[in-house]
Amino acid sequence: MMQLAEILLAEGLVDEGQLSAAFDEHQRIGRSLGRVLVDQGVLTERQLVASLAQQIGLPFVDLEEHAVDGSATGRVSGAVCRRHTALPIGYADDGKLMVAMADPGNVFAIDDMRSMTGLEIRPVVATKSDVLAAIDRYYRADQDMDDLTSAMDLGADDTEDLSKVKEIVEDAPIVKFVNLLITQAIQDRASDIHLEPTEHDLRVRYRIDGVLHEVMRSPRAIQSGVISRLKIMSDINIAERRIPQDGRMSIAAHGKKIDLRVATLPTVWGEKVVMRILDNSTARLDLADLGFG
């Protein structure tokens, strides 16, 4: 196995002089060589962790750039992820669950996630700060959606009274819920959002890298308000529920316009909505960025 110093030199991340100075400091204060190089500003945290990952023969993942599969994160609770500083981010070609870990040698984390998911675990390496930020990002959105669902008027299912519908769709929890659905889809780099009514609930799926992933199921009672809100935002006739309809909406973010094409389709259990995100930029966006704060 190559030594860290050899990898850093081979990658051109340090020169001999920087390495020698850092080694002297390492011997003087007893801190690891890599940490000294970061403290001295020679390396970034990501460069160090990527080099350490190379040293142990594991892939490094930059969670600022890597799309996270919502169906993978949904297999493990946020509490477990925080306890182990580890986050499921997707699936390997062989079906193993890919987990970004700050400490890939943590066998307790691997065992916990294996027992919770029933899947074999494939560790990949990420910086601790990136893992914690990603956990906050993805599990906060889940908790926000749960909280908003609980706050909604659950007596609004399939109302035919248009004045009542218009009142419902302007209700703050409905507005925030819809905005969060769109925000999270952009965050996950989804190309499409599917809202599919079933007999018992409203299923939400995102299409990520060509594959549909279920991200949540909400009470059927919020279906009318959520779908009507989307229709109003897309300039679609909310009174018409028997025929397919199309519309568009636009969201401004950082001076850039993100367009969504919206289609509704009547089904046995109500209207299905599919939204195509036409400009899914790589920028990390939150509710405030999208003007929803």
Protein backbone atom coordinates (compact mmCIF):
# COMPACT_ATOMS: atom_id res chain seq x y z
CA MET A 1 0.00 0.00 0.00
CA MET A 2 1.35 3.42 -0.96
CA GLN A 3 2.08 5.84 1.82
CA LEU A 4 0.03 9.03 1.98
CA ALA A 5 3.09 11.14 1.21
CA GLU A 6 3.74 9.14 -1.96
CA ILE A 7 0.16 9.62 -3.15
CA LEU A 8 0.22 13.36 -2.47
CA LEU A 9 3.46 13.76 -4.40
CA ALA A 10 2.28 11.55 -7.26
CA GLU A 11 -0.95 13.55 -7.58
CA GLY A 12 0.95 16.84 -7.52
CA LEU A 13 -0.91 18.03 -4.44
CA VAL A 14 2.28 18.88 -2.51
CA ASP A 15 5.91 19.47 -3.31
CA GLU A 16 8.96 18.18 -1.45
CA GLY A 17 9.41 21.40 0.48
CA GLN A 18 5.81 21.49 1.72
CA LEU A 19 5.97 17.83 2.65
CA SER A 20 9.22 18.27 4.57
CA ALA A 21 7.88 21.25 6.52
CA ALA A 22 4.66 19.42 7.33
CA PHE A 23 6.58 16.33 8.43
CA ASP A 24 8.67 18.41 10.84
CA GLU A 25 5.48 19.91 12.30
CA HIS A 26 3.92 16.45 12.49
CA GLN A 27 6.85 15.19 14.56
CA ARG A 28 6.83 18.29 16.75
CA ILE A 29 3.15 18.33 17.73
CA GLY A 30 2.13 14.73 17.11
CA ARG A 31 -0.74 15.48 14.71
CA SER A 32 -1.18 13.36 11.61
CA LEU A 33 0.70 14.45 8.51
CA GLY A 34 -2.49 14.91 6.55
CA ARG A 35 -4.10 17.05 9.22
CA VAL A 36 -1.00 19.24 9.43
CA LEU A 37 -1.11 19.81 5.66
CA VAL A 38 -4.77 20.86 5.93
CA ASP A 39 -4.05 23.15 8.88
CA GLN A 40 -1.22 24.76 6.90
CA GLY A 41 -3.54 25.39 3.96
CA VAL A 42 -1.57 23.13 1.64
CA LEU A 43 -4.45 20.68 1.19
CA THR A 44 -8.21 21.04 1.36
CA GLU A 45 -10.23 18.64 3.47
CA ARG A 46 -11.57 16.98 0.31
CA GLN A 47 -8.10 16.54 -1.17
CA LEU A 48 -6.89 14.88 2.01
CA VAL A 49 -9.87 12.54 2.33
CA ALA A 50 -9.73 11.64 -1.38
CA SER A 51 -6.05 10.77 -1.00
CA LEU A 52 -6.73 8.68 2.11
CA ALA A 53 -9.50 6.87 0.21
CA GLN A 54 -7.04 6.13 -2.59
CA GLN A 55 -4.59 4.82 -0.02
CA ILE A 56 -7.07 2.24 1.31
CA GLY A 57 -8.48 1.40 -2.12
CA LEU A 58 -12.00 2.81 -1.73
CA PRO A 59 -13.82 5.28 -4.00
CA PHE A 60 -14.09 8.89 -2.89
CA VAL A 61 -17.41 10.70 -3.39
CA ASP A 62 -17.85 14.47 -3.42
CA LEU A 63 -21.35 14.85 -1.99
CA GLU A 64 -21.53 18.42 -3.30
CA GLU A 65 -21.52 16.97 -6.82
CA HIS A 66 -22.88 13.43 -6.47
CA ALA A 67 -26.64 12.91 -6.96
CA VAL A 68 -28.18 11.10 -3.99
CA ASP A 69 -30.86 8.48 -4.63
CA GLY A 70 -33.85 9.26 -2.41
CA SER A 71 -34.90 5.60 -2.34
CA ALA A 72 -31.51 4.73 -0.82
CA THR A 73 -31.62 7.38 1.90
CA GLY A 74 -35.16 6.29 2.72
CA ARG A 75 -33.97 2.85 3.80
CA VAL A 76 -32.15 4.15 6.88
CA SER A 77 -33.35 6.59 9.52
CA GLY A 78 -31.74 9.98 9.93
CA ALA A 79 -30.89 9.12 13.54
CA VAL A 80 -28.81 6.12 12.48
CA CYS A 81 -27.08 8.15 9.79
CA ARG A 82 -26.17 10.86 12.27
CA ARG A 83 -24.95 8.35 14.85
CA HIS A 84 -22.52 6.80 12.37
CA THR A 85 -21.83 9.85 10.16
CA ALA A 86 -22.83 7.72 7.19
CA LEU A 87 -25.42 8.22 4.43
CA PRO A 88 -26.87 5.77 1.87
CA ILE A 89 -26.49 7.47 -1.52
CA GLY A 90 -27.46 4.85 -4.12
CA TYR A 91 -26.95 1.33 -5.37
CA ALA A 92 -23.94 -0.34 -6.94
CA ASP A 93 -24.29 -2.36 -10.14
CA ASP A 94 -24.33 -5.56 -8.09
CA GLY A 95 -27.26 -4.32 -5.97
CA LYS A 96 -25.24 -3.42 -2.89
CA LEU A 97 -26.23 -0.29 -0.99
CA MET A 98 -23.62 2.44 -1.46
CA VAL A 99 -23.01 4.29 1.80
CA ALA A 100 -20.91 7.45 2.03
CA MET A 101 -18.90 7.27 5.25
CA ALA A 102 -16.51 9.56 7.05
CA ASP A 103 -15.01 6.43 8.64
CA PRO A 104 -15.32 3.47 6.26
CA GLY A 105 -13.66 1.26 8.83
CA ASN A 106 -16.65 1.60 11.18
CA VAL A 107 -17.89 -1.99 11.15
CA PHE A 108 -20.69 -1.15 13.58
CA ALA A 109 -22.16 1.31 11.08
CA ILE A 110 -21.91 -1.24 8.28
CA ASP A 111 -23.52 -3.95 10.41
CA ASP A 112 -26.35 -1.62 11.51
CA MET A 113 -27.18 -0.61 7.95
CA ARG A 114 -26.94 -4.16 6.68
CA SER A 115 -29.40 -5.38 9.31
CA MET A 116 -31.79 -2.44 8.75
CA THR A 117 -31.89 -2.74 4.96
CA GLY A 118 -31.26 -6.43 4.34
CA LEU A 119 -28.66 -5.37 1.76
CA GLU A 120 -24.93 -5.81 1.58
CA ILE A 121 -23.10 -2.52 2.06
CA ARG A 122 -20.52 -0.99 -0.25
CA PRO A 123 -18.69 1.81 1.62
CA VAL A 124 -17.45 4.88 -0.22
CA VAL A 125 -15.51 7.70 1.39
CA ALA A 126 -16.61 11.31 1.89
CA THR A 127 -15.54 14.12 4.18
CA LYS A 128 -17.19 14.27 7.57
CA SER A 129 -18.49 17.79 6.95
CA ASP A 130 -20.01 16.76 3.61
CA VAL A 131 -21.70 13.71 5.11
CA LEU A 132 -23.20 15.72 7.98
CA ALA A 133 -24.37 18.47 5.63
CA ALA A 134 -25.97 15.91 3.31
CA ILE A 135 -27.72 14.19 6.23
CA ASP A 136 -29.14 17.53 7.35
CA ARG A 137 -30.19 18.35 3.80
CA TYR A 138 -31.96 15.12 2.92
CA TYR A 139 -33.46 14.14 6.26
CA ARG A 140 -34.55 17.68 7.11
CA ALA A 141 -36.61 17.71 3.92
CA ASP A 142 -38.24 14.41 4.90
CA GLN A 143 -39.07 15.74 8.36
CA ASP A 144 -40.39 18.99 6.91
CA MET A 145 -42.71 17.05 4.60
CA ASP A 146 -43.95 14.91 7.48
CA ASP A 147 -44.56 18.00 9.62
CA LEU A 148 -46.40 19.77 6.81
CA THR A 149 -48.54 16.72 6.09
CA SER A 150 -49.54 16.61 9.75
CA ALA A 151 -50.44 20.31 9.65
CA MET A 152 -52.73 20.03 6.64
CA ASP A 153 -56.51 19.92 6.74
CA LEU A 154 -57.25 16.22 6.34
CA GLY A 155 -60.90 16.89 5.63
CA ALA A 156 -60.19 18.27 2.17
CA ASP A 157 -60.20 15.06 0.16
CA ASP A 158 -61.78 15.27 -3.31
CA THR A 159 -63.98 18.27 -2.55
CA GLU A 160 -66.06 19.46 -5.52
CA ASP A 161 -66.65 22.95 -4.09
CA LEU A 162 -64.35 25.23 -6.14
CA SER A 163 -64.46 28.02 -3.58
CA LYS A 164 -63.35 25.52 -0.96
CA VAL A 165 -60.61 24.18 -3.24
CA LYS A 166 -59.24 27.69 -3.83
CA GLU A 167 -59.22 28.29 -0.09
CA ILE A 168 -57.39 25.01 0.51
CA VAL A 169 -54.66 25.60 -2.08
CA GLU A 170 -53.73 28.93 -0.52
CA ASP A 171 -53.36 27.28 2.89
CA ALA A 172 -49.78 27.75 4.11
CA PRO A 173 -49.00 24.04 4.72
CA ILE A 174 -50.21 23.11 1.22
CA VAL A 175 -48.11 25.87 -0.36
CA LYS A 176 -45.01 24.86 1.59
CA PHE A 177 -45.54 21.16 0.88
CA VAL A 178 -45.74 21.72 -2.88
CA ASN A 179 -42.75 24.03 -2.84
CA LEU A 180 -40.74 21.50 -0.87
CA LEU A 181 -41.62 18.73 -3.33
CA ILE A 182 -40.15 20.81 -6.16
CA THR A 183 -37.16 21.96 -4.14
CA GLN A 184 -36.24 18.43 -3.11
CA ALA A 185 -36.56 17.17 -6.69
CA ILE A 186 -34.14 19.85 -7.89
CA GLN A 187 -31.83 19.05 -4.99
CA ASP A 188 -31.86 15.37 -5.98
CA ARG A 189 -31.26 16.28 -9.65
CA ALA A 190 -34.51 14.63 -10.69
CA SER A 191 -35.73 15.08 -14.25
CA ASP A 192 -39.40 14.38 -13.44
CA ILE A 193 -41.77 14.46 -10.48
CA HIS A 194 -44.69 12.00 -10.44
CA LEU A 195 -47.67 12.42 -8.10
CA GLU A 196 -49.79 9.30 -8.31
CA PRO A 197 -53.05 8.84 -6.39
CA THR A 198 -53.79 5.34 -5.14
CA GLU A 199 -56.72 3.91 -3.24
CA HIS A 200 -55.18 4.77 0.12
CA ASP A 201 -52.55 7.48 -0.38
CA LEU A 202 -50.74 9.88 -2.69
CA ARG A 203 -47.46 8.43 -3.95
CA VAL A 204 -44.60 10.75 -4.92
CA ARG A 205 -41.79 9.53 -7.16
CA TYR A 206 -38.77 11.26 -8.67
CA ARG A 207 -37.09 10.16 -11.89
CA ILE A 208 -33.35 10.27 -11.28
CA ASP A 209 -30.89 9.09 -13.93
CA GLY A 210 -33.78 7.54 -15.86
CA VAL A 211 -35.11 5.48 -12.94
CA LEU A 212 -38.26 6.25 -10.93
CA HIS A 213 -37.69 6.24 -7.17
CA GLU A 214 -40.46 6.46 -4.60
CA VAL A 215 -39.67 9.25 -2.16
CA MET A 216 -42.81 9.40 -0.04
CA ARG A 217 -46.44 8.41 0.45
CA SER A 218 -48.79 11.03 1.88
CA PRO A 219 -52.35 10.71 3.18
CA ARG A 220 -54.93 10.57 0.41
CA ALA A 221 -56.79 13.38 2.16
CA ILE A 222 -54.22 15.98 1.01
CA GLN A 223 -54.45 14.87 -2.63
CA SER A 224 -57.03 17.42 -3.79
CA GLY A 225 -55.25 20.39 -2.25
CA VAL A 226 -51.78 19.42 -3.49
CA ILE A 227 -52.84 18.66 -7.06
CA SER A 228 -55.07 21.74 -7.27
CA ARG A 229 -52.18 23.89 -6.04
CA LEU A 230 -49.96 22.52 -8.82
CA LYS A 231 -52.69 23.13 -11.40
CA ILE A 232 -53.09 26.75 -10.33
CA MET A 233 -49.32 27.30 -10.43
CA SER A 234 -49.31 25.83 -13.97
CA ASP A 235 -52.34 27.80 -15.19
CA ILE A 236 -54.38 24.61 -15.60
CA ASN A 237 -58.17 24.61 -15.14
CA ILE A 238 -58.77 23.24 -11.64
CA ALA A 239 -62.47 22.63 -12.37
CA GLU A 240 -61.68 20.14 -15.15
CA ARG A 241 -60.71 16.72 -13.83
CA ARG A 242 -62.00 14.38 -16.54
CA ILE A 243 -59.55 15.01 -19.38
CA PRO A 244 -55.74 15.29 -19.65
CA GLN A 245 -54.39 18.83 -19.39
CA ASP A 246 -51.00 20.48 -19.84
CA GLY A 247 -49.43 23.59 -18.41
CA ARG A 248 -46.16 25.19 -17.41
CA MET A 249 -44.68 26.97 -14.44
CA SER A 250 -41.44 28.87 -13.96
CA ILE A 251 -39.35 29.43 -10.85
CA ALA A 252 -36.65 32.10 -10.58
CA ALA A 253 -33.48 31.13 -8.72
CA HIS A 254 -30.23 33.12 -8.57
CA GLY A 255 -31.34 35.08 -11.63
CA LYS A 256 -31.85 31.84 -13.55
CA LYS A 257 -35.23 30.53 -14.63
CA ILE A 258 -36.16 26.92 -13.96
CA ASP A 259 -39.10 25.79 -16.08
CA LEU A 260 -41.40 22.88 -15.33
CA ARG A 261 -43.81 21.34 -17.81
CA VAL A 262 -46.86 19.95 -16.03
CA ALA A 263 -49.30 17.32 -17.28
CA THR A 264 -52.41 15.95 -15.55
CA LEU A 265 -54.12 12.68 -16.36
CA PRO A 266 -57.39 11.35 -14.89
CA THR A 267 -57.11 7.94 -13.21
CA VAL A 268 -59.41 5.70 -11.21
CA TRP A 269 -58.26 7.28 -7.94
CA GLY A 270 -58.00 10.89 -9.11
CA GLU A 271 -55.70 13.03 -11.20
CA LYS A 272 -52.11 11.99 -11.71
CA VAL A 273 -49.58 14.80 -12.19
CA VAL A 274 -46.23 14.55 -13.95
CA MET A 275 -43.82 17.48 -13.88
CA ARG A 276 -40.78 17.64 -16.16
CA ILE A 277 -37.97 19.82 -14.82
CA LEU A 278 -36.65 21.47 -17.96
CA ASP A 279 -33.67 23.23 -16.42
CA ASN A 280 -32.25 21.12 -13.62
CA SER A 281 -29.01 23.00 -12.95
CA THR A 282 -26.28 21.69 -10.69
CA ALA A 283 -26.75 24.55 -8.24
CA ARG A 284 -27.76 23.59 -4.72
CA LEU A 285 -31.09 25.28 -4.06
CA ASP A 286 -33.19 25.70 -0.95
CA LEU A 287 -36.60 27.24 -0.32
CA ALA A 288 -35.20 30.73 0.15
CA ASP A 289 -33.25 30.47 -3.10
CA LEU A 290 -36.44 29.59 -4.93
CA GLY A 291 -38.33 32.53 -3.48
CA PHE A 292 -40.46 30.31 -1.24
CA GLY A 293 -38.90 31.24 2.08
